[in-house]
Each structure stands twice: as C-alpha cells, then as structure tokens.
N, C-alpha and C. Protein backbone atom coordinates (compact mmCIF):
# COMPACT_ATOMS: atom_id res chain seq x y z
N MET A 1 0.85 -1.10 -0.01
CA MET A 1 -0.01 -0.03 0.01
C MET A 1 0.91 1.30 -0.01
N MET A 2 0.55 2.15 -0.75
CA MET A 2 1.38 3.39 -0.92
C MET A 2 0.87 4.53 -0.15
N GLU A 3 1.85 5.15 0.48
CA GLU A 3 1.40 6.29 1.34
C GLU A 3 1.23 7.54 0.46
N LYS A 4 0.33 8.32 0.89
CA LYS A 4 0.02 9.57 0.15
C LYS A 4 1.01 10.66 0.60
N LYS A 5 1.67 11.35 -0.37
CA LYS A 5 2.62 12.30 -0.04
C LYS A 5 1.82 13.59 0.42
N PRO A 6 2.41 14.39 1.31
CA PRO A 6 1.77 15.62 1.71
C PRO A 6 1.81 16.61 0.64
N ASP A 7 0.78 17.49 0.66
CA ASP A 7 0.75 18.51 -0.41
C ASP A 7 1.61 19.71 -0.13
N ILE A 8 2.24 19.75 0.97
CA ILE A 8 3.08 20.87 1.41
C ILE A 8 4.50 20.60 1.03
N SER A 9 5.12 21.54 0.33
CA SER A 9 6.50 21.38 -0.10
C SER A 9 7.50 21.53 1.02
N PRO A 10 8.70 21.05 0.90
CA PRO A 10 9.64 21.24 1.96
C PRO A 10 9.92 22.74 2.26
N ASP A 11 9.85 23.55 1.25
CA ASP A 11 10.09 25.01 1.59
C ASP A 11 8.99 25.58 2.50
N GLN A 12 7.79 25.17 2.19
CA GLN A 12 6.72 25.66 3.09
C GLN A 12 6.85 25.14 4.51
N GLN A 13 7.37 23.86 4.65
CA GLN A 13 7.50 23.33 5.95
C GLN A 13 8.58 24.09 6.73
N LEU A 14 9.70 24.53 6.07
CA LEU A 14 10.76 25.06 6.72
C LEU A 14 10.38 26.63 6.94
N ALA A 15 9.51 27.14 6.21
CA ALA A 15 9.10 28.58 6.36
C ALA A 15 8.66 28.85 7.76
N ALA A 16 7.96 27.99 8.49
CA ALA A 16 7.57 28.22 9.82
C ALA A 16 8.79 28.41 10.75
N PHE A 17 9.82 27.63 10.57
CA PHE A 17 10.95 27.75 11.33
C PHE A 17 11.68 29.12 11.06
N PHE A 18 11.77 29.54 9.81
CA PHE A 18 12.39 30.76 9.42
C PHE A 18 11.71 31.93 10.10
N ASP A 19 10.32 31.88 9.98
CA ASP A 19 9.51 32.95 10.52
C ASP A 19 9.72 33.13 12.00
N ALA A 20 9.89 32.01 12.70
CA ALA A 20 10.08 31.99 14.18
C ALA A 20 11.43 32.62 14.48
N ALA A 21 12.44 32.26 13.66
CA ALA A 21 13.76 32.86 13.95
C ALA A 21 13.78 34.37 13.64
N LYS A 22 13.08 34.74 12.62
CA LYS A 22 12.93 36.26 12.32
C LYS A 22 12.29 37.04 13.40
N ALA A 23 11.29 36.48 14.05
CA ALA A 23 10.49 37.10 15.15
C ALA A 23 11.34 37.29 16.29
N LYS A 24 12.28 36.38 16.53
CA LYS A 24 13.18 36.39 17.67
C LYS A 24 14.06 37.65 17.54
N ASN A 25 14.65 37.98 18.70
CA ASN A 25 15.56 39.11 18.74
C ASN A 25 16.85 38.76 17.78
N GLY A 26 17.12 39.62 16.90
CA GLY A 26 18.12 39.33 15.85
C GLY A 26 19.54 39.65 16.43
N LYS A 27 19.79 39.85 17.64
CA LYS A 27 21.12 40.14 18.14
C LYS A 27 21.81 38.73 18.43
N VAL A 28 23.07 38.67 17.90
CA VAL A 28 23.87 37.50 18.16
C VAL A 28 24.85 37.80 19.24
N ASN A 29 25.14 36.83 20.13
CA ASN A 29 26.12 36.94 21.16
C ASN A 29 27.55 37.20 20.61
N ALA A 30 28.22 38.14 20.97
CA ALA A 30 29.57 38.41 20.43
C ALA A 30 30.60 37.37 20.87
N ALA A 31 30.39 36.88 22.09
CA ALA A 31 31.27 35.81 22.58
C ALA A 31 31.16 34.60 21.82
N PHE A 32 29.94 34.28 21.42
CA PHE A 32 29.75 33.13 20.60
C PHE A 32 30.38 33.28 19.28
N LEU A 33 30.23 34.39 18.66
CA LEU A 33 30.91 34.59 17.30
C LEU A 33 32.42 34.54 17.34
N GLU A 34 33.04 35.08 18.44
CA GLU A 34 34.50 35.06 18.67
C GLU A 34 34.89 33.55 18.82
N ASN A 35 34.09 32.83 19.59
CA ASN A 35 34.48 31.34 19.77
C ASN A 35 34.35 30.62 18.46
N VAL A 36 33.35 30.90 17.62
CA VAL A 36 33.24 30.21 16.41
C VAL A 36 34.37 30.60 15.45
N MET A 37 34.73 31.81 15.41
CA MET A 37 35.84 32.28 14.55
C MET A 37 37.15 31.69 15.00
N ALA A 38 37.49 31.59 16.38
CA ALA A 38 38.69 30.97 16.90
C ALA A 38 38.76 29.51 16.49
N LEU A 39 37.61 28.84 16.62
CA LEU A 39 37.62 27.40 16.21
C LEU A 39 37.91 27.21 14.74
N ALA A 40 37.29 28.13 13.91
CA ALA A 40 37.46 28.11 12.47
C ALA A 40 38.96 28.30 12.10
N VAL A 41 39.57 29.38 12.72
CA VAL A 41 40.93 29.61 12.32
C VAL A 41 41.86 28.55 12.77
N GLY A 42 41.63 27.89 13.90
CA GLY A 42 42.42 26.81 14.42
C GLY A 42 42.32 25.61 13.47
N GLU A 43 41.04 25.41 12.92
CA GLU A 43 40.86 24.21 12.15
C GLU A 43 41.54 24.48 10.76
N THR A 44 41.50 25.68 10.19
CA THR A 44 42.19 25.94 8.95
C THR A 44 43.62 25.82 9.05
N GLU A 45 44.22 26.16 10.23
CA GLU A 45 45.71 26.02 10.35
C GLU A 45 46.08 24.57 10.34
N VAL A 46 45.29 23.80 11.07
CA VAL A 46 45.51 22.30 11.12
C VAL A 46 45.45 21.69 9.76
N ARG A 47 44.49 22.13 9.04
CA ARG A 47 44.26 21.47 7.67
C ARG A 47 45.28 22.06 6.70
N ALA A 48 45.70 23.19 6.82
CA ALA A 48 46.63 23.87 5.87
C ALA A 48 48.05 23.26 5.88
N LYS A 49 48.48 22.67 7.03
CA LYS A 49 49.89 22.13 7.13
C LYS A 49 49.70 20.64 7.32
N PRO A 50 49.76 19.87 6.41
CA PRO A 50 49.79 18.36 6.58
C PRO A 50 51.03 17.94 7.39
N PRO A 51 50.92 16.94 8.15
CA PRO A 51 52.22 16.46 8.82
C PRO A 51 53.32 16.01 7.85
N ILE A 52 54.41 16.33 8.10
CA ILE A 52 55.49 15.99 7.18
C ILE A 52 56.19 14.75 7.74
N ALA A 53 56.12 13.65 6.98
CA ALA A 53 56.70 12.43 7.40
C ALA A 53 58.13 12.35 6.96
N PRO A 54 59.09 11.97 7.75
CA PRO A 54 60.42 11.86 7.40
C PRO A 54 60.61 10.71 6.35
N VAL A 55 61.52 11.07 5.35
CA VAL A 55 61.72 10.17 4.27
C VAL A 55 62.91 9.32 4.76
N ALA A 56 62.69 8.01 4.67
CA ALA A 56 63.76 7.02 5.07
C ALA A 56 64.65 6.82 3.79
N THR A 57 65.95 7.10 3.99
CA THR A 57 66.90 6.92 2.91
C THR A 57 67.67 5.58 3.19
N ALA A 58 67.82 4.83 2.15
CA ALA A 58 68.61 3.64 2.35
C ALA A 58 69.98 3.76 1.65
N PRO A 59 70.96 2.98 2.07
CA PRO A 59 72.26 3.08 1.52
C PRO A 59 72.22 2.59 0.04
N ALA A 60 73.18 3.00 -0.72
CA ALA A 60 73.23 2.63 -2.19
C ALA A 60 73.30 1.09 -2.33
N PHE A 61 74.05 0.36 -1.50
CA PHE A 61 74.11 -1.03 -1.66
C PHE A 61 72.83 -1.70 -1.36
N THR A 62 71.99 -1.24 -0.39
CA THR A 62 70.62 -1.74 -0.16
C THR A 62 69.75 -1.47 -1.36
N LYS A 63 69.83 -0.32 -1.95
CA LYS A 63 69.00 0.05 -3.12
C LYS A 63 69.34 -0.93 -4.29
N LEU A 64 70.66 -1.23 -4.45
CA LEU A 64 71.08 -2.17 -5.51
C LEU A 64 70.52 -3.54 -5.35
N ILE A 65 70.63 -4.03 -4.09
CA ILE A 65 70.05 -5.42 -3.81
C ILE A 65 68.54 -5.40 -4.09
N ARG A 66 67.86 -4.36 -3.63
CA ARG A 66 66.39 -4.32 -3.87
C ARG A 66 66.04 -4.30 -5.40
N SER A 67 66.83 -3.51 -6.08
CA SER A 67 66.66 -3.38 -7.59
C SER A 67 66.83 -4.68 -8.34
N LEU A 68 67.68 -5.60 -7.75
CA LEU A 68 67.99 -6.85 -8.36
C LEU A 68 67.00 -7.96 -7.95
N GLY A 69 66.16 -7.62 -7.01
CA GLY A 69 65.09 -8.62 -6.60
C GLY A 69 65.28 -9.10 -5.21
N GLY A 70 66.17 -8.62 -4.37
CA GLY A 70 66.33 -9.09 -3.07
C GLY A 70 67.54 -10.09 -3.03
N TRP A 71 67.83 -10.59 -1.73
CA TRP A 71 68.93 -11.44 -1.47
C TRP A 71 68.89 -12.83 -2.16
N LYS A 72 67.65 -13.35 -2.35
CA LYS A 72 67.55 -14.62 -3.02
C LYS A 72 68.02 -14.47 -4.49
N SER A 73 67.59 -13.46 -5.15
CA SER A 73 67.97 -13.25 -6.54
C SER A 73 69.51 -12.94 -6.69
N VAL A 74 70.02 -12.16 -5.81
CA VAL A 74 71.42 -11.89 -5.76
C VAL A 74 72.25 -13.14 -5.53
N THR A 75 71.85 -13.99 -4.68
CA THR A 75 72.47 -15.22 -4.40
C THR A 75 72.51 -16.08 -5.68
N ALA A 76 71.39 -16.25 -6.25
CA ALA A 76 71.36 -17.04 -7.51
C ALA A 76 72.20 -16.47 -8.67
N LEU A 77 72.18 -15.16 -8.75
CA LEU A 77 73.00 -14.52 -9.81
C LEU A 77 74.54 -14.70 -9.50
N THR A 78 74.86 -14.54 -8.25
CA THR A 78 76.29 -14.86 -7.90
C THR A 78 76.62 -16.35 -8.13
N ALA A 79 75.86 -17.21 -7.80
CA ALA A 79 76.18 -18.63 -8.08
C ALA A 79 76.37 -18.93 -9.59
N CYS A 80 75.49 -18.37 -10.34
CA CYS A 80 75.56 -18.57 -11.81
C CYS A 80 76.79 -17.89 -12.40
N THR A 81 77.08 -16.70 -11.89
CA THR A 81 78.35 -16.04 -12.31
C THR A 81 79.52 -16.81 -12.03
N CYS A 82 79.61 -17.37 -10.85
CA CYS A 82 80.80 -18.16 -10.42
C CYS A 82 80.93 -19.46 -11.30
N ILE A 83 79.82 -20.13 -11.49
CA ILE A 83 79.86 -21.33 -12.36
C ILE A 83 80.23 -20.91 -13.76
N GLY A 84 79.79 -19.80 -14.27
CA GLY A 84 80.21 -19.35 -15.66
C GLY A 84 81.61 -19.08 -15.81
N ILE A 85 82.19 -18.38 -14.69
CA ILE A 85 83.55 -18.07 -14.75
C ILE A 85 84.45 -19.32 -14.72
N VAL A 86 84.04 -20.23 -13.78
CA VAL A 86 84.77 -21.51 -13.73
C VAL A 86 84.64 -22.28 -15.03
N ALA A 87 83.58 -22.38 -15.61
CA ALA A 87 83.43 -23.10 -16.91
C ALA A 87 84.17 -22.44 -18.04
N GLY A 88 84.27 -21.11 -17.97
CA GLY A 88 85.04 -20.43 -18.94
C GLY A 88 86.59 -20.60 -18.84
N TYR A 89 87.08 -20.75 -17.66
CA TYR A 89 88.52 -20.98 -17.57
C TYR A 89 88.94 -22.40 -17.55
N VAL A 90 88.11 -23.37 -17.28
CA VAL A 90 88.50 -24.76 -17.31
C VAL A 90 88.60 -25.22 -18.74
N ALA A 91 89.67 -26.01 -18.92
CA ALA A 91 89.86 -26.60 -20.33
C ALA A 91 88.81 -27.61 -20.65
N PRO A 92 88.32 -27.65 -21.82
CA PRO A 92 87.24 -28.57 -22.19
C PRO A 92 87.61 -30.04 -21.90
N ASN A 93 88.89 -30.40 -22.05
CA ASN A 93 89.34 -31.85 -21.89
C ASN A 93 89.22 -32.19 -20.44
N SER A 94 89.23 -31.23 -19.52
CA SER A 94 89.16 -31.63 -18.03
C SER A 94 87.82 -31.83 -17.61
N LEU A 95 86.86 -31.63 -18.52
CA LEU A 95 85.37 -31.92 -18.16
C LEU A 95 85.06 -33.31 -18.52
N ASP A 96 85.93 -34.20 -18.86
CA ASP A 96 85.61 -35.58 -19.28
C ASP A 96 84.88 -36.39 -18.14
N TYR A 97 85.07 -35.98 -16.89
CA TYR A 97 84.39 -36.71 -15.82
C TYR A 97 82.92 -36.53 -15.85
N LEU A 98 82.40 -35.69 -16.69
CA LEU A 98 80.93 -35.58 -16.87
C LEU A 98 80.27 -36.57 -17.78
N ASP A 99 81.09 -37.38 -18.41
CA ASP A 99 80.56 -38.41 -19.32
C ASP A 99 79.94 -39.52 -18.43
N LEU A 100 78.61 -39.58 -18.60
CA LEU A 100 77.78 -40.45 -17.76
C LEU A 100 77.53 -41.80 -18.49
N GLY A 101 78.26 -42.79 -18.12
CA GLY A 101 78.07 -44.21 -18.58
C GLY A 101 78.60 -44.35 -19.97
N GLY A 102 79.57 -43.64 -20.50
CA GLY A 102 80.08 -43.84 -21.74
C GLY A 102 79.24 -43.36 -22.89
N ALA A 103 78.39 -42.40 -22.56
CA ALA A 103 77.51 -41.90 -23.63
C ALA A 103 78.20 -41.11 -24.62
N GLN A 104 77.75 -41.09 -25.86
CA GLN A 104 78.49 -40.44 -26.98
C GLN A 104 78.32 -38.95 -26.78
N THR A 105 79.49 -38.21 -26.93
CA THR A 105 79.44 -36.81 -26.74
C THR A 105 78.80 -36.10 -27.96
N ILE A 106 78.46 -34.89 -27.75
CA ILE A 106 77.89 -34.11 -28.86
C ILE A 106 78.87 -33.91 -30.00
N ALA A 107 80.18 -33.69 -29.64
CA ALA A 107 81.20 -33.54 -30.69
C ALA A 107 81.36 -34.73 -31.51
N GLU A 108 81.35 -35.92 -30.87
CA GLU A 108 81.42 -37.24 -31.58
C GLU A 108 80.27 -37.44 -32.49
N THR A 109 79.04 -36.97 -32.09
CA THR A 109 77.93 -37.20 -32.85
C THR A 109 77.91 -36.36 -34.06
N PHE A 110 78.33 -35.12 -34.08
CA PHE A 110 78.40 -34.28 -35.23
C PHE A 110 79.67 -34.37 -36.02
N ASP A 111 80.62 -35.27 -35.65
CA ASP A 111 81.81 -35.44 -36.47
C ASP A 111 81.52 -36.22 -37.71
N ASP A 112 80.43 -36.97 -37.68
CA ASP A 112 80.03 -37.77 -38.80
C ASP A 112 79.70 -36.86 -39.94
N ASP A 113 80.11 -37.22 -41.22
CA ASP A 113 79.90 -36.38 -42.37
C ASP A 113 78.43 -36.33 -42.75
N GLY A 114 77.59 -37.16 -42.24
CA GLY A 114 76.21 -37.13 -42.56
C GLY A 114 75.50 -35.93 -41.94
N PHE A 115 75.98 -35.35 -40.82
CA PHE A 115 75.48 -34.21 -40.20
C PHE A 115 76.05 -32.90 -40.63
N SER A 116 77.03 -32.99 -41.51
CA SER A 116 77.86 -31.81 -41.86
C SER A 116 77.12 -31.03 -43.08
N VAL A 117 76.87 -29.81 -42.90
CA VAL A 117 76.23 -29.04 -43.94
C VAL A 117 77.24 -28.84 -45.08
N ALA A 118 78.52 -28.67 -44.66
CA ALA A 118 79.56 -28.33 -45.73
C ALA A 118 79.73 -29.54 -46.64
N SER A 119 79.65 -30.85 -46.12
CA SER A 119 79.74 -31.99 -47.02
C SER A 119 78.59 -32.05 -48.02
N ASP A 120 77.41 -31.60 -47.54
CA ASP A 120 76.21 -31.67 -48.48
C ASP A 120 76.45 -30.62 -49.63
N ILE A 121 76.94 -29.48 -49.27
CA ILE A 121 77.20 -28.55 -50.26
C ILE A 121 78.33 -28.93 -51.23
N GLU A 122 79.32 -29.55 -50.75
CA GLU A 122 80.40 -30.13 -51.59
C GLU A 122 79.84 -31.10 -52.54
N THR A 123 78.91 -32.01 -52.06
CA THR A 123 78.36 -32.97 -52.91
C THR A 123 77.49 -32.34 -54.05
N LEU A 124 76.86 -31.32 -53.74
CA LEU A 124 76.00 -30.61 -54.77
C LEU A 124 76.88 -30.03 -55.89
N PHE A 125 78.01 -29.52 -55.45
CA PHE A 125 78.95 -28.94 -56.49
C PHE A 125 79.59 -30.01 -57.27
N GLN A 126 79.89 -31.20 -56.64
CA GLN A 126 80.53 -32.20 -57.43
C GLN A 126 79.56 -32.86 -58.49
N GLU A 127 78.28 -32.96 -58.21
CA GLU A 127 77.44 -33.54 -59.10
C GLU A 127 77.29 -32.82 -60.40
N GLY A 128 77.46 -31.60 -60.32
CA GLY A 128 77.48 -30.92 -61.59
C GLY A 128 76.65 -29.83 -61.86
C-alpha cells in the first residue's frame, strides 16, 4: 500500500521555522561569534599544514640489492656467475668426468659427415 505524499513542499515546511527565527531578537552573542571564529581559524591552520613524514633513505648497496630482486635473486646471480667463470677458464678436456656411462658426446655425434652441412654443399657442387 502506498502512502500519500503531503501536499506541502519542504520550503513551506521550513518557512515556519524561518519565521520564528526572524521574530526572535536578531542580536547574536559576540562571545559566541568570537568562539566560532577562533575554532574556524584553528581548524584551517591544522588542515593547511599536513604532517611531514620523514623520508627514510637507504644506502646505495641496499638499493642495488632491492633493484635486483632481493637477497635470493642476488645469491642465484652470484652462483651462476661463479659457475660461468669456472666453466670459462676450465679446459674442455678436463670436463671428461661428466661423461655419464660412456654416452656419446655431442662433438662425436656431429663429427660424422652425414650431419655436416659443408659436406652436403660439396656434394652438390661435385654432381655438376
């Protein structure tokens, strides 16, 4: 069931309150106005100056570690770098201990002329 709206507008409803305020003595207490102004000025001063938070500065080394992804990433990068340096300086013949069970090495696999691109090209030129 729907309620019927009153025929009186909100402006007409508030008019009674405004008329009552106008009929009253129009003098405002000076102490009240001073108090309101003091509170307003105090509030504007508080809002005008936001609190300044100190900026934490980190050392350059810490910034470098953070930019690389933290200590875990730096540890992994260091390990890979060390392995790469060792592998670069070690002679290839000294890595024979990596042969697992006599498996054929990659170099032995590609030594065959069947896998050589150059031998195929030579054959094309020989045929005529």
